[in-house]
Amino acid sequence: MTNVHFESLDEILRGAGAAMGAAEGHGALCGRLAIHEAGGEVAWTHEMLEGVGGADAPACREALSNLYRETRSALDDADLSFQPLLPDDNTALGLRVEALGEWCYGFSTALVLAGLTPQRLADLPEHAREFVDDLGQIAQVSPEMVAYDESEADYAELLEYVRVGVLLLFDELQPRTPLPGLH
């Protein structure tokens, strides 16, 4: 999906003292986008960079702006190209699991902060409500919970569940409307 590289963005954000790392921040972005953009790029970037200043701010702002545009475009893509921004398969499984948990935490938290009220959640189809509940459970997973014998396949299955679930929830909360110039 993205030209933004997870490890590079995470290093830039953590080095600058950003409020969130790349996984949680991308999850938060996707949660905001699911609720009608909830403040747009400026609000999300401000939230991510709260407390970041000086020489680090411009590089962070540029990387986040690119990620915002790419994510928005992928969520609108009819080819379903969206992927959560997470470490690649060469990263240790425990770290990928931890990052997926952080991503789900960011997404779940942003849904609530952006306006997914209990009433609005109750109005969604059962599969969407179950998915939101599942994300809360996935957000609590830790690397210590991983049993390594069949875990690569389990991780891939869980990641695909999150990816497809986000796309389905996005469609439930707002219809796909491609933005001009992003394709």
C-alpha atoms as a PDB file:
ATOM      1  CA  MET A   1       0.000   0.000   0.000  1.00  0.00           C
ATOM      2  CA  THR A   2       2.516   2.505   1.051  1.00  0.00           C
ATOM      3  CA  ASN A   3       5.754   4.113   0.082  1.00  0.00           C
ATOM      4  CA  VAL A   4       6.153   5.090   3.728  1.00  0.00           C
ATOM      5  CA  HIS A   5       8.472   2.561   5.349  1.00  0.00           C
ATOM      6  CA  PHE A   6       7.385   1.450   8.831  1.00  0.00           C
ATOM      7  CA  GLU A   7      10.819   1.260  10.426  1.00  0.00           C
ATOM      8  CA  SER A   8      11.902   4.647   9.047  1.00  0.00           C
ATOM      9  CA  LEU A   9       8.737   6.403  10.178  1.00  0.00           C
ATOM     10  CA  ASP A  10       8.796   4.725  13.578  1.00  0.00           C
ATOM     11  CA  GLU A  11      12.428   5.749  14.091  1.00  0.00           C
ATOM     12  CA  ILE A  12      11.703   9.362  13.081  1.00  0.00           C
ATOM     13  CA  LEU A  13       8.655   9.590  15.354  1.00  0.00           C
ATOM     14  CA  ARG A  14      10.239   7.936  18.381  1.00  0.00           C
ATOM     15  CA  GLY A  15      13.466   9.906  17.949  1.00  0.00           C
ATOM     16  CA  ALA A  16      11.502  13.146  17.867  1.00  0.00           C
ATOM     17  CA  GLY A  17       9.485  12.217  20.967  1.00  0.00           C
ATOM     18  CA  ALA A  18       6.164  11.974  19.120  1.00  0.00           C
ATOM     19  CA  ALA A  19       3.041  11.030  21.052  1.00  0.00           C
ATOM     20  CA  MET A  20       2.789   7.680  19.220  1.00  0.00           C
ATOM     21  CA  GLY A  21       4.944   5.347  17.195  1.00  0.00           C
ATOM     22  CA  ALA A  22       4.179   4.424  13.598  1.00  0.00           C
ATOM     23  CA  ALA A  23       1.877   1.460  14.340  1.00  0.00           C
ATOM     24  CA  GLU A  24      -0.356   3.171  16.901  1.00  0.00           C
ATOM     25  CA  GLY A  25      -0.326   6.414  14.907  1.00  0.00           C
ATOM     26  CA  HIS A  26      -1.392   4.699  11.696  1.00  0.00           C
ATOM     27  CA  GLY A  27      -4.121   2.845  13.561  1.00  0.00           C
ATOM     28  CA  ALA A  28      -5.297   6.183  14.971  1.00  0.00           C
ATOM     29  CA  LEU A  29      -5.266   7.689  11.491  1.00  0.00           C
ATOM     30  CA  CYS A  30      -7.367   4.839  10.093  1.00  0.00           C
ATOM     31  CA  GLY A  31      -9.840   5.127  12.973  1.00  0.00           C
ATOM     32  CA  ARG A  32     -10.184   8.859  12.332  1.00  0.00           C
ATOM     33  CA  LEU A  33     -10.657   8.295   8.606  1.00  0.00           C
ATOM     34  CA  ALA A  34     -13.367   5.736   9.281  1.00  0.00           C
ATOM     35  CA  ILE A  35     -15.354   8.423  11.131  1.00  0.00           C
ATOM     36  CA  HIS A  36     -15.563  10.912   8.258  1.00  0.00           C
ATOM     37  CA  GLU A  37     -11.964  12.026   8.538  1.00  0.00           C
ATOM     38  CA  ALA A  38     -12.541  13.421  12.054  1.00  0.00           C
ATOM     39  CA  GLY A  39     -10.612  16.655  11.732  1.00  0.00           C
ATOM     40  CA  GLY A  40      -8.543  15.741   8.699  1.00  0.00           C
ATOM     41  CA  GLU A  41      -4.829  15.675   8.167  1.00  0.00           C
ATOM     42  CA  VAL A  42      -4.045  18.783  10.198  1.00  0.00           C
ATOM     43  CA  ALA A  43      -5.752  17.509  13.354  1.00  0.00           C
ATOM     44  CA  TRP A  44      -4.131  14.060  13.120  1.00  0.00           C
ATOM     45  CA  THR A  45      -0.674  15.486  12.413  1.00  0.00           C
ATOM     46  CA  HIS A  46      -1.046  17.899  15.335  1.00  0.00           C
ATOM     47  CA  GLU A  47      -2.062  15.019  17.617  1.00  0.00           C
ATOM     48  CA  MET A  48       0.891  12.914  16.474  1.00  0.00           C
ATOM     49  CA  LEU A  49       3.407  15.720  16.847  1.00  0.00           C
ATOM     50  CA  GLU A  50       2.231  17.210  20.107  1.00  0.00           C
ATOM     51  CA  GLY A  51       5.373  18.208  21.957  1.00  0.00           C
ATOM     52  CA  VAL A  52       7.650  17.757  18.921  1.00  0.00           C
ATOM     53  CA  GLY A  53       9.486  20.841  17.816  1.00  0.00           C
ATOM     54  CA  GLY A  54      12.748  22.078  16.475  1.00  0.00           C
ATOM     55  CA  ALA A  55      14.663  20.316  13.751  1.00  0.00           C
ATOM     56  CA  ASP A  56      12.633  17.096  13.980  1.00  0.00           C
ATOM     57  CA  ALA A  57       9.240  18.627  13.228  1.00  0.00           C
ATOM     58  CA  PRO A  58       9.552  19.219   9.451  1.00  0.00           C
ATOM     59  CA  ALA A  59      10.699  15.652   8.673  1.00  0.00           C
ATOM     60  CA  CYS A  60       7.944  14.217  10.870  1.00  0.00           C
ATOM     61  CA  ARG A  61       5.312  16.470   9.324  1.00  0.00           C
ATOM     62  CA  GLU A  62       6.346  15.525   5.770  1.00  0.00           C
ATOM     63  CA  ALA A  63       6.369  11.769   6.523  1.00  0.00           C
ATOM     64  CA  LEU A  64       2.965  11.982   8.215  1.00  0.00           C
ATOM     65  CA  SER A  65       1.505  14.013   5.365  1.00  0.00           C
ATOM     66  CA  ASN A  66       2.632  11.352   2.876  1.00  0.00           C
ATOM     67  CA  LEU A  67       1.211   8.594   5.066  1.00  0.00           C
ATOM     68  CA  TYR A  68      -2.097  10.430   5.412  1.00  0.00           C
ATOM     69  CA  ARG A  69      -2.527  10.821   1.655  1.00  0.00           C
ATOM     70  CA  GLU A  70      -1.465   7.254   0.891  1.00  0.00           C
ATOM     71  CA  THR A  71      -3.744   5.807   3.580  1.00  0.00           C
ATOM     72  CA  ARG A  72      -6.744   7.864   2.493  1.00  0.00           C
ATOM     73  CA  SER A  73      -6.195   6.771  -1.086  1.00  0.00           C
ATOM     74  CA  ALA A  74      -5.810   3.083  -0.131  1.00  0.00           C
ATOM     75  CA  LEU A  75      -8.998   3.117   1.945  1.00  0.00           C
ATOM     76  CA  ASP A  76     -10.870   4.520  -1.077  1.00  0.00           C
ATOM     77  CA  ASP A  77      -9.213   2.141  -3.545  1.00  0.00           C
ATOM     78  CA  ALA A  78     -11.663  -0.183  -5.282  1.00  0.00           C
ATOM     79  CA  ASP A  79      -8.840  -2.764  -5.484  1.00  0.00           C
ATOM     80  CA  LEU A  80      -8.774  -2.971  -1.661  1.00  0.00           C
ATOM     81  CA  SER A  81      -5.058  -2.177  -1.483  1.00  0.00           C
ATOM     82  CA  PHE A  82      -5.204  -0.966   2.124  1.00  0.00           C
ATOM     83  CA  GLN A  83      -2.680  -2.495   4.530  1.00  0.00           C
ATOM     84  CA  PRO A  84      -2.044  -1.528   8.153  1.00  0.00           C
ATOM     85  CA  LEU A  85       1.392   0.078   8.498  1.00  0.00           C
ATOM     86  CA  LEU A  86       3.342  -2.552  10.426  1.00  0.00           C
ATOM     87  CA  PRO A  87       6.857  -4.024  10.520  1.00  0.00           C
ATOM     88  CA  ASP A  88       7.748  -6.253   7.572  1.00  0.00           C
ATOM     89  CA  ASP A  89       8.014 -10.032   7.693  1.00  0.00           C
ATOM     90  CA  ASN A  90      11.765  -9.887   8.381  1.00  0.00           C
ATOM     91  CA  THR A  91      11.037  -8.444  11.829  1.00  0.00           C
ATOM     92  CA  ALA A  92      10.822 -10.823  14.774  1.00  0.00           C
ATOM     93  CA  LEU A  93       7.321 -12.194  15.212  1.00  0.00           C
ATOM     94  CA  GLY A  94       6.994 -10.897  18.774  1.00  0.00           C
ATOM     95  CA  LEU A  95       7.684  -7.349  17.595  1.00  0.00           C
ATOM     96  CA  ARG A  96       5.150  -7.694  14.763  1.00  0.00           C
ATOM     97  CA  VAL A  97       2.531  -8.962  17.206  1.00  0.00           C
ATOM     98  CA  GLU A  98       3.260  -6.079  19.557  1.00  0.00           C
ATOM     99  CA  ALA A  99       2.976  -3.576  16.691  1.00  0.00           C
ATOM    100  CA  LEU A 100      -0.340  -5.105  15.558  1.00  0.00           C
ATOM    101  CA  GLY A 101      -1.644  -4.708  19.107  1.00  0.00           C
ATOM    102  CA  GLU A 102      -0.517  -1.069  19.111  1.00  0.00           C
ATOM    103  CA  TRP A 103      -2.151  -0.524  15.709  1.00  0.00           C
ATOM    104  CA  CYS A 104      -5.454  -1.960  16.952  1.00  0.00           C
ATOM    105  CA  TYR A 105      -5.240   0.149  20.122  1.00  0.00           C
ATOM    106  CA  GLY A 106      -4.723   3.305  18.055  1.00  0.00           C
ATOM    107  CA  PHE A 107      -7.599   2.396  15.754  1.00  0.00           C
ATOM    108  CA  SER A 108     -10.013   1.526  18.570  1.00  0.00           C
ATOM    109  CA  THR A 109      -9.158   4.624  20.574  1.00  0.00           C
ATOM    110  CA  ALA A 110      -9.519   6.892  17.547  1.00  0.00           C
ATOM    111  CA  LEU A 111     -12.933   5.434  16.713  1.00  0.00           C
ATOM    112  CA  VAL A 112     -14.210   6.445  20.124  1.00  0.00           C
ATOM    113  CA  LEU A 113     -12.490   9.834  20.199  1.00  0.00           C
ATOM    114  CA  ALA A 114     -13.705  10.616  16.679  1.00  0.00           C
ATOM    115  CA  GLY A 115     -17.344   9.953  17.519  1.00  0.00           C
ATOM    116  CA  LEU A 116     -18.228   6.261  17.425  1.00  0.00           C
ATOM    117  CA  THR A 117     -20.747   6.504  20.250  1.00  0.00           C
ATOM    118  CA  PRO A 118     -22.327   3.421  21.830  1.00  0.00           C
ATOM    119  CA  GLN A 119     -25.570   4.284  19.993  1.00  0.00           C
ATOM    120  CA  ARG A 120     -23.842   4.574  16.633  1.00  0.00           C
ATOM    121  CA  LEU A 121     -22.023   1.298  17.300  1.00  0.00           C
ATOM    122  CA  ALA A 122     -25.324  -0.379  18.212  1.00  0.00           C
ATOM    123  CA  ASP A 123     -26.779   0.768  14.885  1.00  0.00           C
ATOM    124  CA  LEU A 124     -24.057  -1.041  12.921  1.00  0.00           C
ATOM    125  CA  PRO A 125     -24.539  -4.591  11.639  1.00  0.00           C
ATOM    126  CA  GLU A 126     -23.530  -7.375  14.009  1.00  0.00           C
ATOM    127  CA  HIS A 127     -20.348  -8.233  12.077  1.00  0.00           C
ATOM    128  CA  ALA A 128     -19.133  -4.639  12.414  1.00  0.00           C
ATOM    129  CA  ARG A 129     -19.864  -4.549  16.160  1.00  0.00           C
ATOM    130  CA  GLU A 130     -18.052  -7.864  16.616  1.00  0.00           C
ATOM    131  CA  PHE A 131     -15.068  -6.560  14.670  1.00  0.00           C
ATOM    132  CA  VAL A 132     -14.806  -3.472  16.893  1.00  0.00           C
ATOM    133  CA  ASP A 133     -14.943  -5.748  19.963  1.00  0.00           C
ATOM    134  CA  ASP A 134     -12.291  -8.024  18.437  1.00  0.00           C
ATOM    135  CA  LEU A 135      -9.976  -5.071  17.854  1.00  0.00           C
ATOM    136  CA  GLY A 136     -10.166  -4.265  21.546  1.00  0.00           C
ATOM    137  CA  GLN A 137      -9.060  -7.812  22.310  1.00  0.00           C
ATOM    138  CA  ILE A 138      -6.254  -7.759  19.738  1.00  0.00           C
ATOM    139  CA  ALA A 139      -5.028  -4.461  21.207  1.00  0.00           C
ATOM    140  CA  GLN A 140      -4.319  -6.312  24.445  1.00  0.00           C
ATOM    141  CA  VAL A 141      -2.142  -9.011  22.884  1.00  0.00           C
ATOM    142  CA  SER A 142       1.500  -9.061  23.888  1.00  0.00           C
ATOM    143  CA  PRO A 143       4.555 -10.830  22.464  1.00  0.00           C
ATOM    144  CA  GLU A 144       4.608 -13.132  25.509  1.00  0.00           C
ATOM    145  CA  MET A 145       1.210 -14.503  24.478  1.00  0.00           C
ATOM    146  CA  VAL A 146       2.581 -15.839  21.194  1.00  0.00           C
ATOM    147  CA  ALA A 147       3.055 -19.594  20.927  1.00  0.00           C
ATOM    148  CA  TYR A 148       5.737 -19.886  18.274  1.00  0.00           C
ATOM    149  CA  ASP A 149       4.917 -23.289  16.760  1.00  0.00           C
ATOM    150  CA  GLU A 150       2.131 -22.176  14.391  1.00  0.00           C
ATOM    151  CA  SER A 151       2.249 -18.465  15.032  1.00  0.00           C
ATOM    152  CA  GLU A 152       3.475 -17.182  11.635  1.00  0.00           C
ATOM    153  CA  ALA A 153       0.346 -18.539   9.978  1.00  0.00           C
ATOM    154  CA  ASP A 154      -1.814 -17.311  12.874  1.00  0.00           C
ATOM    155  CA  TYR A 155      -0.284 -13.840  12.641  1.00  0.00           C
ATOM    156  CA  ALA A 156      -0.877 -13.689   8.875  1.00  0.00           C
ATOM    157  CA  GLU A 157      -4.486 -14.773   9.384  1.00  0.00           C
ATOM    158  CA  LEU A 158      -5.029 -12.213  12.147  1.00  0.00           C
ATOM    159  CA  LEU A 159      -3.449  -9.443  10.088  1.00  0.00           C
ATOM    160  CA  GLU A 160      -5.718 -10.259   7.132  1.00  0.00           C
ATOM    161  CA  TYR A 161      -8.735 -10.292   9.470  1.00  0.00           C
ATOM    162  CA  VAL A 162      -7.810  -6.789  10.688  1.00  0.00           C
ATOM    163  CA  ARG A 163      -7.157  -5.518   7.154  1.00  0.00           C
ATOM    164  CA  VAL A 164     -10.452  -6.778   5.741  1.00  0.00           C
ATOM    165  CA  GLY A 165     -12.364  -5.815   8.889  1.00  0.00           C
ATOM    166  CA  VAL A 166     -11.122  -2.238   8.650  1.00  0.00           C
ATOM    167  CA  LEU A 167     -12.245  -2.046   5.023  1.00  0.00           C
ATOM    168  CA  LEU A 168     -15.681  -3.452   5.896  1.00  0.00           C
ATOM    169  CA  LEU A 169     -16.072  -1.107   8.865  1.00  0.00           C
ATOM    170  CA  PHE A 170     -14.933   1.821   6.757  1.00  0.00           C
ATOM    171  CA  ASP A 171     -17.639   0.964   4.209  1.00  0.00           C
ATOM    172  CA  GLU A 172     -20.258   0.731   6.959  1.00  0.00           C
ATOM    173  CA  LEU A 173     -19.319   4.100   8.438  1.00  0.00           C
ATOM    174  CA  GLN A 174     -18.826   5.978   5.189  1.00  0.00           C
ATOM    175  CA  PRO A 175     -19.125   5.090   1.529  1.00  0.00           C
ATOM    176  CA  ARG A 176     -16.069   5.056  -0.707  1.00  0.00           C
ATOM    177  CA  THR A 177     -15.627   8.388  -2.468  1.00  0.00           C
ATOM    178  CA  PRO A 178     -12.234   8.722  -4.148  1.00  0.00           C
ATOM    179  CA  LEU A 179     -10.563  12.058  -3.644  1.00  0.00           C
ATOM    180  CA  PRO A 180      -9.490  13.876  -6.814  1.00  0.00           C
ATOM    181  CA  GLY A 181      -5.836  13.501  -7.673  1.00  0.00           C
ATOM    182  CA  LEU A 182      -5.085  10.650  -5.269  1.00  0.00           C
ATOM    183  CA  HIS A 183      -5.256   7.770  -7.730  1.00  0.00           C
END
